[in-house]
């Protein structure tokens, strides 16, 4: 563990953060296919949404569609917030940035402390 810590302190994090670059359309269709083929999404809509629709309502289908579209709209807004936040955090933690170096040094120091503690254990 101390060896890993010294490597982190000397050379930085031993793995690279390489991500495949995917176009917007490919990312959209990958996400759409994941949601369409995920049975939990369908079960959620079938179990959760009907309780908000009046049993004697004349337009149950329209109410179900409206609730579904509301869910999609709020979910899309939340996902956009997550995407923008992740992009900003990724820029903050880019390799060589001050935050990245600080995290690597903190991890190295933690590994040294844990290695010494592990070695001192009877």
PDB file of N, CA and C in Angstrom:
ATOM      1  N   UNK A   1       0.822  -1.175   0.000  1.00  0.00           N
ATOM      2  CA  UNK A   1       0.000   0.000   0.000  1.00  0.00           C
ATOM      3  C   UNK A   1       0.875   1.252   0.000  1.00  0.00           C
ATOM      4  N   UNK A   2       1.969   1.188   0.719  1.00  0.00           N
ATOM      5  CA  UNK A   2       2.892   2.327   0.746  1.00  0.00           C
ATOM      6  C   UNK A   2       3.526   2.514  -0.627  1.00  0.00           C
ATOM      7  N   UNK A   3       3.801   1.406  -1.317  1.00  0.00           N
ATOM      8  CA  UNK A   3       4.341   1.491  -2.681  1.00  0.00           C
ATOM      9  C   UNK A   3       3.366   2.235  -3.601  1.00  0.00           C
ATOM     10  N   UNK A   4       2.075   1.890  -3.493  1.00  0.00           N
ATOM     11  CA  UNK A   4       1.067   2.590  -4.295  1.00  0.00           C
ATOM     12  C   UNK A   4       1.028   4.075  -3.941  1.00  0.00           C
ATOM     13  N   UNK A   5       1.123   4.364  -2.642  1.00  0.00           N
ATOM     14  CA  UNK A   5       1.090   5.756  -2.210  1.00  0.00           C
ATOM     15  C   UNK A   5       2.267   6.540  -2.771  1.00  0.00           C
ATOM     16  N   UNK A   6       3.463   5.954  -2.744  1.00  0.00           N
ATOM     17  CA  UNK A   6       4.638   6.653  -3.268  1.00  0.00           C
ATOM     18  C   UNK A   6       4.521   6.864  -4.774  1.00  0.00           C
ATOM     19  N   UNK A   7       3.953   5.885  -5.470  1.00  0.00           N
ATOM     20  CA  UNK A   7       3.739   6.058  -6.913  1.00  0.00           C
ATOM     21  C   UNK A   7       2.754   7.187  -7.194  1.00  0.00           C
ATOM     22  N   UNK A   8       1.694   7.255  -6.398  1.00  0.00           N
ATOM     23  CA  UNK A   8       0.718   8.332  -6.587  1.00  0.00           C
ATOM     24  C   UNK A   8       1.361   9.680  -6.305  1.00  0.00           C
ATOM     25  N   UNK A   9       2.150   9.760  -5.232  1.00  0.00           N
ATOM     26  CA  UNK A   9       2.784  11.029  -4.882  1.00  0.00           C
ATOM     27  C   UNK A   9       3.831  11.449  -5.910  1.00  0.00           C
ATOM     28  N   UNK A  10       4.536  10.485  -6.495  1.00  0.00           N
ATOM     29  CA  UNK A  10       5.581  10.806  -7.470  1.00  0.00           C
ATOM     30  C   UNK A  10       5.044  11.030  -8.881  1.00  0.00           C
ATOM     31  N   UNK A  11       4.087  10.212  -9.289  1.00  0.00           N
ATOM     32  CA  UNK A  11       3.669  10.223 -10.691  1.00  0.00           C
ATOM     33  C   UNK A  11       2.212  10.621 -10.895  1.00  0.00           C
ATOM     34  N   UNK A  12       1.487  10.871  -9.843  1.00  0.00           N
ATOM     35  CA  UNK A  12       0.069  11.191  -9.976  1.00  0.00           C
ATOM     36  C   UNK A  12      -0.764   9.933  -9.970  1.00  0.00           C
ATOM     37  N   UNK A  13      -2.016  10.074 -10.304  1.00  0.00           N
ATOM     38  CA  UNK A  13      -2.935   8.943 -10.311  1.00  0.00           C
ATOM     39  C   UNK A  13      -2.497   7.959 -11.393  1.00  0.00           C
ATOM     40  N   UNK A  14      -2.394   6.654 -11.057  1.00  0.00           N
ATOM     41  CA  UNK A  14      -1.833   5.687 -12.003  1.00  0.00           C
ATOM     42  C   UNK A  14      -2.737   5.276 -13.148  1.00  0.00           C
ATOM     43  N   UNK A  15      -3.872   5.836 -13.273  1.00  0.00           N
ATOM     44  CA  UNK A  15      -4.749   5.500 -14.391  1.00  0.00           C
ATOM     45  C   UNK A  15      -5.184   6.780 -15.084  1.00  0.00           C
ATOM     46  N   UNK A  16      -5.459   6.662 -16.347  1.00  0.00           N
ATOM     47  CA  UNK A  16      -5.878   7.850 -17.090  1.00  0.00           C
ATOM     48  C   UNK A  16      -7.392   7.870 -17.194  1.00  0.00           C
ATOM     49  N   UNK A  17      -7.926   9.051 -17.300  1.00  0.00           N
ATOM     50  CA  UNK A  17      -9.369   9.223 -17.434  1.00  0.00           C
ATOM     51  C   UNK A  17      -9.690   9.396 -18.912  1.00  0.00           C
ATOM     52  N   UNK A  18      -9.692   8.301 -19.631  1.00  0.00           N
ATOM     53  CA  UNK A  18      -9.955   8.343 -21.060  1.00  0.00           C
ATOM     54  C   UNK A  18     -11.407   7.934 -21.292  1.00  0.00           C
ATOM     55  N   UNK A  19     -12.145   8.783 -21.937  1.00  0.00           N
ATOM     56  CA  UNK A  19     -13.544   8.506 -22.249  1.00  0.00           C
ATOM     57  C   UNK A  19     -13.719   8.519 -23.763  1.00  0.00           C
ATOM     58  N   UNK A  20     -14.553   7.624 -24.230  1.00  0.00           N
ATOM     59  CA  UNK A  20     -14.857   7.601 -25.648  1.00  0.00           C
ATOM     60  C   UNK A  20     -15.710   8.813 -25.995  1.00  0.00           C
ATOM     61  N   UNK A  21     -15.403   9.438 -27.088  1.00  0.00           N
ATOM     62  CA  UNK A  21     -16.183  10.587 -27.537  1.00  0.00           C
ATOM     63  C   UNK A  21     -17.353  10.061 -28.361  1.00  0.00           C
ATOM     64  N   UNK A  22     -18.545  10.420 -27.920  1.00  0.00           N
ATOM     65  CA  UNK A  22     -19.759   9.955 -28.584  1.00  0.00           C
ATOM     66  C   UNK A  22     -20.546  11.190 -28.998  1.00  0.00           C
ATOM     67  N   UNK A  23     -21.120  11.141 -30.187  1.00  0.00           N
ATOM     68  CA  UNK A  23     -21.929  12.255 -30.665  1.00  0.00           C
ATOM     69  C   UNK A  23     -23.224  12.388 -29.888  1.00  0.00           C
ATOM     70  N   UNK A  24     -23.862  13.539 -30.019  1.00  0.00           N
ATOM     71  CA  UNK A  24     -25.106  13.785 -29.288  1.00  0.00           C
ATOM     72  C   UNK A  24     -26.220  12.834 -29.712  1.00  0.00           C
ATOM     73  N   UNK A  25     -26.339  12.590 -30.996  1.00  0.00           N
ATOM     74  CA  UNK A  25     -27.396  11.696 -31.476  1.00  0.00           C
ATOM     75  C   UNK A  25     -27.181  10.276 -30.972  1.00  0.00           C
ATOM     76  N   UNK A  26     -25.937   9.804 -31.010  1.00  0.00           N
ATOM     77  CA  UNK A  26     -25.644   8.451 -30.524  1.00  0.00           C
ATOM     78  C   UNK A  26     -25.913   8.340 -29.030  1.00  0.00           C
ATOM     79  N   UNK A  27     -25.560   9.373 -28.267  1.00  0.00           N
ATOM     80  CA  UNK A  27     -25.819   9.367 -26.829  1.00  0.00           C
ATOM     81  C   UNK A  27     -27.319   9.355 -26.557  1.00  0.00           C
ATOM     82  N   UNK A  28     -28.075  10.152 -27.331  1.00  0.00           N
ATOM     83  CA  UNK A  28     -29.527  10.186 -27.153  1.00  0.00           C
ATOM     84  C   UNK A  28     -30.139   8.823 -27.414  1.00  0.00           C
ATOM     85  N   UNK A  29     -29.780   8.197 -28.539  1.00  0.00           N
ATOM     86  CA  UNK A  29     -30.390   6.917 -28.889  1.00  0.00           C
ATOM     87  C   UNK A  29     -29.954   5.812 -27.944  1.00  0.00           C
ATOM     88  N   UNK A  30     -28.742   5.890 -27.433  1.00  0.00           N
ATOM     89  CA  UNK A  30     -28.298   4.904 -26.449  1.00  0.00           C
ATOM     90  C   UNK A  30     -29.133   5.031 -25.176  1.00  0.00           C
ATOM     91  N   UNK A  31     -29.350   6.260 -24.716  1.00  0.00           N
ATOM     92  CA  UNK A  31     -30.182   6.480 -23.531  1.00  0.00           C
ATOM     93  C   UNK A  31     -31.629   6.082 -23.757  1.00  0.00           C
ATOM     94  N   UNK A  32     -32.162   6.410 -24.925  1.00  0.00           N
ATOM     95  CA  UNK A  32     -33.549   6.049 -25.234  1.00  0.00           C
ATOM     96  C   UNK A  32     -33.720   4.537 -25.269  1.00  0.00           C
ATOM     97  N   UNK A  33     -32.793   3.835 -25.895  1.00  0.00           N
ATOM     98  CA  UNK A  33     -32.865   2.375 -25.957  1.00  0.00           C
ATOM     99  C   UNK A  33     -32.753   1.767 -24.564  1.00  0.00           C
ATOM    100  N   UNK A  34     -31.900   2.326 -23.731  1.00  0.00           N
ATOM    101  CA  UNK A  34     -31.767   1.832 -22.362  1.00  0.00           C
ATOM    102  C   UNK A  34     -33.075   1.993 -21.605  1.00  0.00           C
ATOM    103  N   UNK A  35     -33.724   3.141 -21.736  1.00  0.00           N
ATOM    104  CA  UNK A  35     -34.986   3.359 -21.032  1.00  0.00           C
ATOM    105  C   UNK A  35     -36.120   2.514 -21.595  1.00  0.00           C
ATOM    106  N   UNK A  36     -36.156   2.341 -22.898  1.00  0.00           N
ATOM    107  CA  UNK A  36     -37.234   1.565 -23.511  1.00  0.00           C
ATOM    108  C   UNK A  36     -37.141   0.098 -23.117  1.00  0.00           C
ATOM    109  N   UNK A  37     -35.924  -0.432 -23.053  1.00  0.00           N
ATOM    110  CA  UNK A  37     -35.748  -1.848 -22.737  1.00  0.00           C
ATOM    111  C   UNK A  37     -35.662  -2.123 -21.244  1.00  0.00           C
ATOM    112  N   UNK A  38     -35.752  -1.092 -20.419  1.00  0.00           N
ATOM    113  CA  UNK A  38     -35.692  -1.263 -18.976  1.00  0.00           C
ATOM    114  C   UNK A  38     -37.102  -1.520 -18.447  1.00  0.00           C
ATOM    115  N   UNK A  39     -37.383  -2.723 -17.936  1.00  0.00           N
ATOM    116  CA  UNK A  39     -38.748  -3.019 -17.481  1.00  0.00           C
ATOM    117  C   UNK A  39     -39.141  -2.222 -16.233  1.00  0.00           C
ATOM    118  N   UNK A  40     -38.171  -1.726 -15.480  1.00  0.00           N
ATOM    119  CA  UNK A  40     -38.499  -0.963 -14.274  1.00  0.00           C
ATOM    120  C   UNK A  40     -39.222   0.340 -14.611  1.00  0.00           C
ATOM    121  N   UNK A  41     -38.889   0.934 -15.735  1.00  0.00           N
ATOM    122  CA  UNK A  41     -39.553   2.177 -16.138  1.00  0.00           C
ATOM    123  C   UNK A  41     -41.029   1.911 -16.415  1.00  0.00           C
ATOM    124  N   UNK A  42     -41.320   0.870 -17.161  1.00  0.00           N
ATOM    125  CA  UNK A  42     -42.716   0.531 -17.470  1.00  0.00           C
ATOM    126  C   UNK A  42     -43.470   0.160 -16.197  1.00  0.00           C
ATOM    127  N   UNK A  43     -42.851  -0.611 -15.321  1.00  0.00           N
ATOM    128  CA  UNK A  43     -43.505  -0.987 -14.070  1.00  0.00           C
ATOM    129  C   UNK A  43     -43.771   0.233 -13.193  1.00  0.00           C
ATOM    130  N   UNK A  44     -42.855   1.185 -13.203  1.00  0.00           N
ATOM    131  CA  UNK A  44     -43.064   2.409 -12.439  1.00  0.00           C
ATOM    132  C   UNK A  44     -44.299   3.146 -12.936  1.00  0.00           C
ATOM    133  N   UNK A  45     -44.395   3.319 -14.241  1.00  0.00           N
ATOM    134  CA  UNK A  45     -45.539   4.044 -14.798  1.00  0.00           C
ATOM    135  C   UNK A  45     -46.844   3.294 -14.541  1.00  0.00           C
ATOM    136  N   UNK A  46     -46.810   1.973 -14.666  1.00  0.00           N
ATOM    137  CA  UNK A  46     -48.040   1.199 -14.472  1.00  0.00           C
ATOM    138  C   UNK A  46     -48.455   1.121 -13.008  1.00  0.00           C
ATOM    139  N   UNK A  47     -47.505   1.190 -12.081  1.00  0.00           N
ATOM    140  CA  UNK A  47     -47.846   1.073 -10.667  1.00  0.00           C
ATOM    141  C   UNK A  47     -48.046   2.418  -9.978  1.00  0.00           C
ATOM    142  N   UNK A  48     -47.309   3.426 -10.374  1.00  0.00           N
ATOM    143  CA  UNK A  48     -47.294   4.683  -9.641  1.00  0.00           C
ATOM    144  C   UNK A  48     -48.300   5.712 -10.172  1.00  0.00           C
ATOM    145  N   UNK A  49     -48.339   5.883 -11.476  1.00  0.00           N
ATOM    146  CA  UNK A  49     -49.162   6.952 -12.043  1.00  0.00           C
ATOM    147  C   UNK A  49     -50.673   6.739 -11.929  1.00  0.00           C
ATOM    148  N   UNK A  50     -51.199   5.517 -12.048  1.00  0.00           N
ATOM    149  CA  UNK A  50     -52.669   5.370 -12.000  1.00  0.00           C
ATOM    150  C   UNK A  50     -53.308   5.846 -10.698  1.00  0.00           C
ATOM    151  N   UNK A  51     -52.583   5.872  -9.616  1.00  0.00           N
ATOM    152  CA  UNK A  51     -53.190   6.309  -8.359  1.00  0.00           C
ATOM    153  C   UNK A  51     -53.507   7.805  -8.349  1.00  0.00           C
ATOM    154  N   UNK A  52     -52.987   8.540  -9.315  1.00  0.00           N
ATOM    155  CA  UNK A  52     -53.263   9.969  -9.407  1.00  0.00           C
ATOM    156  C   UNK A  52     -54.356  10.298 -10.413  1.00  0.00           C
ATOM    157  N   UNK A  53     -54.958   9.271 -10.970  1.00  0.00           N
ATOM    158  CA  UNK A  53     -56.024   9.463 -11.950  1.00  0.00           C
ATOM    159  C   UNK A  53     -57.342   9.022 -11.319  1.00  0.00           C
ATOM    160  N   UNK A  54     -58.327   9.890 -11.376  1.00  0.00           N
ATOM    161  CA  UNK A  54     -59.644   9.578 -10.809  1.00  0.00           C
ATOM    162  C   UNK A  54     -60.249   8.372 -11.525  1.00  0.00           C
ATOM    163  N   UNK A  55     -60.863   7.495 -10.767  1.00  0.00           N
ATOM    164  CA  UNK A  55     -61.461   6.291 -11.346  1.00  0.00           C
ATOM    165  C   UNK A  55     -62.630   6.621 -12.269  1.00  0.00           C
ATOM    166  N   UNK A  56     -63.364   7.677 -11.966  1.00  0.00           N
ATOM    167  CA  UNK A  56     -64.522   8.031 -12.790  1.00  0.00           C
ATOM    168  C   UNK A  56     -64.201   9.123 -13.806  1.00  0.00           C
ATOM    169  N   UNK A  57     -62.927   9.336 -14.090  1.00  0.00           N
ATOM    170  CA  UNK A  57     -62.516  10.353 -15.050  1.00  0.00           C
ATOM    171  C   UNK A  57     -62.915   9.939 -16.467  1.00  0.00           C
ATOM    172  N   UNK A  58     -63.371  10.922 -17.236  1.00  0.00           N
ATOM    173  CA  UNK A  58     -63.796  10.651 -18.615  1.00  0.00           C
ATOM    174  C   UNK A  58     -62.597  10.468 -19.547  1.00  0.00           C
ATOM    175  N   UNK A  59     -61.489  11.095 -19.220  1.00  0.00           N
ATOM    176  CA  UNK A  59     -60.321  11.023 -20.112  1.00  0.00           C
ATOM    177  C   UNK A  59     -59.118  10.458 -19.354  1.00  0.00           C
ATOM    178  N   UNK A  60     -59.177   9.179 -19.060  1.00  0.00           N
ATOM    179  CA  UNK A  60     -58.088   8.523 -18.325  1.00  0.00           C
ATOM    180  C   UNK A  60     -56.812   8.480 -19.151  1.00  0.00           C
ATOM    181  N   UNK A  61     -56.942   8.235 -20.423  1.00  0.00           N
ATOM    182  CA  UNK A  61     -55.758   8.157 -21.285  1.00  0.00           C
ATOM    183  C   UNK A  61     -55.062   9.513 -21.352  1.00  0.00           C
ATOM    184  N   UNK A  62     -55.835  10.576 -21.504  1.00  0.00           N
ATOM    185  CA  UNK A  62     -55.234  11.918 -21.560  1.00  0.00           C
ATOM    186  C   UNK A  62     -54.547  12.262 -20.239  1.00  0.00           C
ATOM    187  N   UNK A  63     -55.183  11.905 -19.119  1.00  0.00           N
ATOM    188  CA  UNK A  63     -54.567  12.177 -17.812  1.00  0.00           C
ATOM    189  C   UNK A  63     -53.279  11.370 -17.652  1.00  0.00           C
ATOM    190  N   UNK A  64     -53.304  10.121 -18.080  1.00  0.00           N
ATOM    191  CA  UNK A  64     -52.108   9.274 -17.996  1.00  0.00           C
ATOM    192  C   UNK A  64     -50.990   9.848 -18.853  1.00  0.00           C
ATOM    193  N   UNK A  65     -51.316  10.301 -20.069  1.00  0.00           N
ATOM    194  CA  UNK A  65     -50.319  10.903 -20.949  1.00  0.00           C
ATOM    195  C   UNK A  65     -49.769  12.208 -20.376  1.00  0.00           C
ATOM    196  N   UNK A  66     -50.655  13.021 -19.787  1.00  0.00           N
ATOM    197  CA  UNK A  66     -50.211  14.281 -19.184  1.00  0.00           C
ATOM    198  C   UNK A  66     -49.257  14.024 -18.019  1.00  0.00           C
ATOM    199  N   UNK A  67     -49.594  13.066 -17.178  1.00  0.00           N
ATOM    200  CA  UNK A  67     -48.693  12.729 -16.069  1.00  0.00           C
ATOM    201  C   UNK A  67     -47.373  12.169 -16.586  1.00  0.00           C
ATOM    202  N   UNK A  68     -47.437  11.351 -17.628  1.00  0.00           N
ATOM    203  CA  UNK A  68     -46.219  10.812 -18.224  1.00  0.00           C
ATOM    204  C   UNK A  68     -45.334  11.895 -18.811  1.00  0.00           C
ATOM    205  N   UNK A  69     -45.949  12.833 -19.525  1.00  0.00           N
ATOM    206  CA  UNK A  69     -45.181  13.942 -20.103  1.00  0.00           C
ATOM    207  C   UNK A  69     -44.605  14.856 -19.022  1.00  0.00           C
ATOM    208  N   UNK A  70     -45.346  15.034 -17.930  1.00  0.00           N
ATOM    209  CA  UNK A  70     -44.820  15.814 -16.804  1.00  0.00           C
ATOM    210  C   UNK A  70     -43.599  15.128 -16.217  1.00  0.00           C
ATOM    211  N   UNK A  71     -43.677  13.816 -16.068  1.00  0.00           N
ATOM    212  CA  UNK A  71     -42.537  13.055 -15.557  1.00  0.00           C
ATOM    213  C   UNK A  71     -41.337  13.174 -16.484  1.00  0.00           C
ATOM    214  N   UNK A  72     -41.576  13.067 -17.778  1.00  0.00           N
ATOM    215  CA  UNK A  72     -40.491  13.174 -18.755  1.00  0.00           C
ATOM    216  C   UNK A  72     -39.862  14.569 -18.721  1.00  0.00           C
ATOM    217  N   UNK A  73     -40.690  15.609 -18.618  1.00  0.00           N
ATOM    218  CA  UNK A  73     -40.171  16.984 -18.597  1.00  0.00           C
ATOM    219  C   UNK A  73     -39.322  17.234 -17.355  1.00  0.00           C
ATOM    220  N   UNK A  74     -39.824  16.841 -16.188  1.00  0.00           N
ATOM    221  CA  UNK A  74     -39.039  17.062 -14.972  1.00  0.00           C
ATOM    222  C   UNK A  74     -37.793  16.193 -14.955  1.00  0.00           C
ATOM    223  N   UNK A  75     -37.909  14.981 -15.463  1.00  0.00           N
ATOM    224  CA  UNK A  75     -36.733  14.112 -15.543  1.00  0.00           C
ATOM    225  C   UNK A  75     -35.677  14.662 -16.484  1.00  0.00           C
ATOM    226  N   UNK A  76     -36.115  15.236 -17.594  1.00  0.00           N
ATOM    227  CA  UNK A  76     -35.172  15.836 -18.542  1.00  0.00           C
ATOM    228  C   UNK A  76     -34.467  17.033 -17.927  1.00  0.00           C
ATOM    229  N   UNK A  77     -35.227  17.873 -17.221  1.00  0.00           N
ATOM    230  CA  UNK A  77     -34.592  19.029 -16.573  1.00  0.00           C
ATOM    231  C   UNK A  77     -33.563  18.578 -15.536  1.00  0.00           C
ATOM    232  N   UNK A  78     -33.902  17.554 -14.765  1.00  0.00           N
ATOM    233  CA  UNK A  78     -32.974  17.054 -13.753  1.00  0.00           C
ATOM    234  C   UNK A  78     -31.724  16.482 -14.418  1.00  0.00           C
ATOM    235  N   UNK A  79     -31.888  15.730 -15.486  1.00  0.00           N
ATOM    236  CA  UNK A  79     -30.735  15.159 -16.186  1.00  0.00           C
ATOM    237  C   UNK A  79     -29.851  16.249 -16.795  1.00  0.00           C
ATOM    238  N   UNK A  80     -30.459  17.327 -17.284  1.00  0.00           N
ATOM    239  CA  UNK A  80     -29.675  18.448 -17.802  1.00  0.00           C
ATOM    240  C   UNK A  80     -28.857  19.108 -16.694  1.00  0.00           C
ATOM    241  N   UNK A  81     -29.454  19.264 -15.517  1.00  0.00           N
ATOM    242  CA  UNK A  81     -28.716  19.817 -14.369  1.00  0.00           C
ATOM    243  C   UNK A  81     -27.537  18.905 -14.029  1.00  0.00           C
ATOM    244  N   UNK A  82     -27.763  17.600 -14.021  1.00  0.00           N
ATOM    245  CA  UNK A  82     -26.685  16.654 -13.728  1.00  0.00           C
ATOM    246  C   UNK A  82     -25.586  16.717 -14.784  1.00  0.00           C
ATOM    247  N   UNK A  83     -25.964  16.810 -16.048  1.00  0.00           N
ATOM    248  CA  UNK A  83     -24.979  16.849 -17.121  1.00  0.00           C
ATOM    249  C   UNK A  83     -24.124  18.113 -17.053  1.00  0.00           C
ATOM    250  N   UNK A  84     -24.752  19.254 -16.833  1.00  0.00           N
ATOM    251  CA  UNK A  84     -23.999  20.507 -16.739  1.00  0.00           C
ATOM    252  C   UNK A  84     -23.082  20.483 -15.520  1.00  0.00           C
ATOM    253  N   UNK A  85     -23.592  19.982 -14.404  1.00  0.00           N
ATOM    254  CA  UNK A  85     -22.773  19.892 -13.191  1.00  0.00           C
ATOM    255  C   UNK A  85     -21.589  18.956 -13.393  1.00  0.00           C
ATOM    256  N   UNK A  86     -21.824  17.810 -14.030  1.00  0.00           N
ATOM    257  CA  UNK A  86     -20.743  16.860 -14.271  1.00  0.00           C
ATOM    258  C   UNK A  86     -19.675  17.450 -15.191  1.00  0.00           C
ATOM    259  N   UNK A  87     -20.098  18.216 -16.186  1.00  0.00           N
ATOM    260  CA  UNK A  87     -19.132  18.842 -17.090  1.00  0.00           C
ATOM    261  C   UNK A  87     -18.270  19.857 -16.348  1.00  0.00           C
ATOM    262  N   UNK A  88     -18.887  20.629 -15.471  1.00  0.00           N
ATOM    263  CA  UNK A  88     -18.108  21.615 -14.705  1.00  0.00           C
ATOM    264  C   UNK A  88     -17.162  20.942 -13.738  1.00  0.00           C
ATOM    265  N   UNK A  89     -17.631  19.874 -13.076  1.00  0.00           N
ATOM    266  CA  UNK A  89     -16.759  19.159 -12.145  1.00  0.00           C
ATOM    267  C   UNK A  89     -15.626  18.485 -12.904  1.00  0.00           C
ATOM    268  N   UNK A  90     -15.909  17.960 -14.090  1.00  0.00           N
ATOM    269  CA  UNK A  90     -14.866  17.326 -14.888  1.00  0.00           C
ATOM    270  C   UNK A  90     -13.789  18.337 -15.264  1.00  0.00           C
ATOM    271  N   UNK A  91     -14.196  19.553 -15.627  1.00  0.00           N
ATOM    272  CA  UNK A  91     -13.216  20.587 -15.936  1.00  0.00           C
ATOM    273  C   UNK A  91     -12.417  20.977 -14.706  1.00  0.00           C
ATOM    274  N   UNK A  92     -13.072  20.972 -13.549  1.00  0.00           N
ATOM    275  CA  UNK A  92     -12.383  21.297 -12.307  1.00  0.00           C
ATOM    276  C   UNK A  92     -11.340  20.236 -11.962  1.00  0.00           C
ATOM    277  N   UNK A  93     -11.650  18.974 -12.254  1.00  0.00           N
ATOM    278  CA  UNK A  93     -10.766  17.870 -11.904  1.00  0.00           C
ATOM    279  C   UNK A  93      -9.927  17.370 -13.079  1.00  0.00           C
ATOM    280  N   UNK A  94      -9.738  18.188 -14.092  1.00  0.00           N
ATOM    281  CA  UNK A  94      -8.947  17.796 -15.255  1.00  0.00           C
ATOM    282  C   UNK A  94      -7.531  17.434 -14.813  1.00  0.00           C
ATOM    283  N   UNK A  95      -6.908  16.471 -15.494  1.00  0.00           N
ATOM    284  CA  UNK A  95      -5.549  16.086 -15.121  1.00  0.00           C
ATOM    285  C   UNK A  95      -4.610  17.289 -15.121  1.00  0.00           C
ATOM    286  N   UNK A  96      -3.847  17.435 -14.049  1.00  0.00           N
ATOM    287  CA  UNK A  96      -2.897  18.529 -13.927  1.00  0.00           C
ATOM    288  C   UNK A  96      -3.455  19.755 -13.229  1.00  0.00           C
ATOM    289  N   UNK A  97      -4.763  19.787 -12.988  1.00  0.00           N
ATOM    290  CA  UNK A  97      -5.341  20.939 -12.298  1.00  0.00           C
ATOM    291  C   UNK A  97      -4.974  20.888 -10.818  1.00  0.00           C
ATOM    292  N   UNK A  98      -5.135  22.022 -10.152  1.00  0.00           N
ATOM    293  CA  UNK A  98      -4.794  22.086  -8.729  1.00  0.00           C
ATOM    294  C   UNK A  98      -5.637  21.110  -7.913  1.00  0.00           C
ATOM    295  N   UNK A  99      -6.908  21.019  -8.229  1.00  0.00           N
ATOM    296  CA  UNK A  99      -7.787  20.112  -7.487  1.00  0.00           C
ATOM    297  C   UNK A  99      -7.381  18.660  -7.703  1.00  0.00           C
ATOM    298  N   UNK A 100      -6.998  18.318  -8.926  1.00  0.00           N
ATOM    299  CA  UNK A 100      -6.573  16.955  -9.234  1.00  0.00           C
ATOM    300  C   UNK A 100      -5.290  16.606  -8.488  1.00  0.00           C
ATOM    301  N   UNK A 101      -4.348  17.541  -8.467  1.00  0.00           N
ATOM    302  CA  UNK A 101      -3.091  17.313  -7.758  1.00  0.00           C
ATOM    303  C   UNK A 101      -3.353  17.186  -6.257  1.00  0.00           C
ATOM    304  N   UNK A 102      -4.214  18.030  -5.725  1.00  0.00           N
ATOM    305  CA  UNK A 102      -4.543  17.969  -4.301  1.00  0.00           C
ATOM    306  C   UNK A 102      -5.198  16.641  -3.945  1.00  0.00           C
ATOM    307  N   UNK A 103      -6.112  16.170  -4.796  1.00  0.00           N
ATOM    308  CA  UNK A 103      -6.743  14.871  -4.552  1.00  0.00           C
ATOM    309  C   UNK A 103      -5.729  13.735  -4.606  1.00  0.00           C
ATOM    310  N   UNK A 104      -4.796  13.780  -5.563  1.00  0.00           N
ATOM    311  CA  UNK A 104      -3.773  12.735  -5.666  1.00  0.00           C
ATOM    312  C   UNK A 104      -2.877  12.745  -4.438  1.00  0.00           C
ATOM    313  N   UNK A 105      -2.484  13.915  -3.970  1.00  0.00           N
ATOM    314  CA  UNK A 105      -1.635  13.993  -2.778  1.00  0.00           C
ATOM    315  C   UNK A 105      -2.378  13.514  -1.537  1.00  0.00           C
ATOM    316  N   UNK A 106      -3.644  13.865  -1.434  1.00  0.00           N
ATOM    317  CA  UNK A 106      -4.443  13.408  -0.303  1.00  0.00           C
ATOM    318  C   UNK A 106      -4.589  11.889  -0.329  1.00  0.00           C
ATOM    319  N   UNK A 107      -4.849  11.332  -1.507  1.00  0.00           N
ATOM    320  CA  UNK A 107      -4.962   9.877  -1.628  1.00  0.00           C
ATOM    321  C   UNK A 107      -3.635   9.204  -1.295  1.00  0.00           C
ATOM    322  N   UNK A 108      -2.526   9.774  -1.762  1.00  0.00           N
ATOM    323  CA  UNK A 108      -1.214   9.219  -1.444  1.00  0.00           C
ATOM    324  C   UNK A 108      -0.938   9.237   0.046  1.00  0.00           C
ATOM    325  N   UNK A 109      -1.236  10.349   0.700  1.00  0.00           N
ATOM    326  CA  UNK A 109      -1.026  10.442   2.146  1.00  0.00           C
ATOM    327  C   UNK A 109      -1.910   9.451   2.898  1.00  0.00           C
ATOM    328  N   UNK A 110      -3.153   9.317   2.454  1.00  0.00           N
ATOM    329  CA  UNK A 110      -4.062   8.363   3.081  1.00  0.00           C
ATOM    330  C   UNK A 110      -3.549   6.937   2.921  1.00  0.00           C
ATOM    331  N   UNK A 111      -3.048   6.595   1.747  1.00  0.00           N
ATOM    332  CA  UNK A 111      -2.487   5.260   1.535  1.00  0.00           C
ATOM    333  C   UNK A 111      -1.282   5.015   2.428  1.00  0.00           C
ATOM    334  N   UNK A 112      -0.453   6.028   2.633  1.00  0.00           N
ATOM    335  CA  UNK A 112       0.705   5.866   3.519  1.00  0.00           C
ATOM    336  C   UNK A 112       0.229   5.597   4.942  1.00  0.00           C
ATOM    337  N   UNK A 113      -0.724   6.369   5.414  1.00  0.00           N
ATOM    338  CA  UNK A 113      -1.238   6.166   6.778  1.00  0.00           C
ATOM    339  C   UNK A 113      -1.857   4.780   6.900  1.00  0.00           C
ATOM    340  N   UNK A 114      -2.644   4.363   5.928  1.00  0.00           N
ATOM    341  CA  UNK A 114      -3.255   3.045   5.991  1.00  0.00           C
ATOM    342  C   UNK A 114      -2.208   1.934   5.886  1.00  0.00           C
ATOM    343  N   UNK A 115      -1.189   2.138   5.066  1.00  0.00           N
ATOM    344  CA  UNK A 115      -0.115   1.145   4.949  1.00  0.00           C
ATOM    345  C   UNK A 115       0.655   0.990   6.252  1.00  0.00           C
ATOM    346  N   UNK A 116       0.970   2.102   6.908  1.00  0.00           N
ATOM    347  CA  UNK A 116       1.677   2.042   8.187  1.00  0.00           C
ATOM    348  C   UNK A 116       0.795   1.380   9.238  1.00  0.00           C
ATOM    349  N   UNK A 117      -0.469   1.734   9.232  1.00  0.00           N
ATOM    350  CA  UNK A 117      -1.398   1.129  10.203  1.00  0.00           C
ATOM    351  C   UNK A 117      -1.550  -0.365   9.956  1.00  0.00           C
ATOM    352  N   UNK A 118      -1.592  -0.753   8.691  1.00  0.00           N
ATOM    353  CA  UNK A 118      -1.698  -2.182   8.359  1.00  0.00           C
ATOM    354  C   UNK A 118      -0.436  -2.935   8.741  1.00  0.00           C
ATOM    355  N   UNK A 119       0.726  -2.317   8.506  1.00  0.00           N
ATOM    356  CA  UNK A 119       1.987  -2.962   8.847  1.00  0.00           C
ATOM    357  C   UNK A 119       2.169  -3.072  10.367  1.00  0.00           C
ATOM    358  N   UNK A 120       1.620  -2.139  11.122  1.00  0.00           N
ATOM    359  CA  UNK A 120       1.784  -2.136  12.579  1.00  0.00           C
ATOM    360  C   UNK A 120       0.807  -3.071  13.272  1.00  0.00           C
ATOM    361  N   UNK A 121      -0.164  -3.563  12.555  1.00  0.00           N
ATOM    362  CA  UNK A 121      -1.149  -4.469  13.152  1.00  0.00           C
ATOM    363  C   UNK A 121      -0.501  -5.817  13.448  1.00  0.00           C
ATOM    364  N   UNK A 122      -0.757  -6.383  14.625  1.00  0.00           N
ATOM    365  CA  UNK A 122      -0.160  -7.698  14.942  1.00  0.00           C
ATOM    366  C   UNK A 122      -0.773  -8.836  14.174  1.00  0.00           C
TER     367      UNK A 122
END
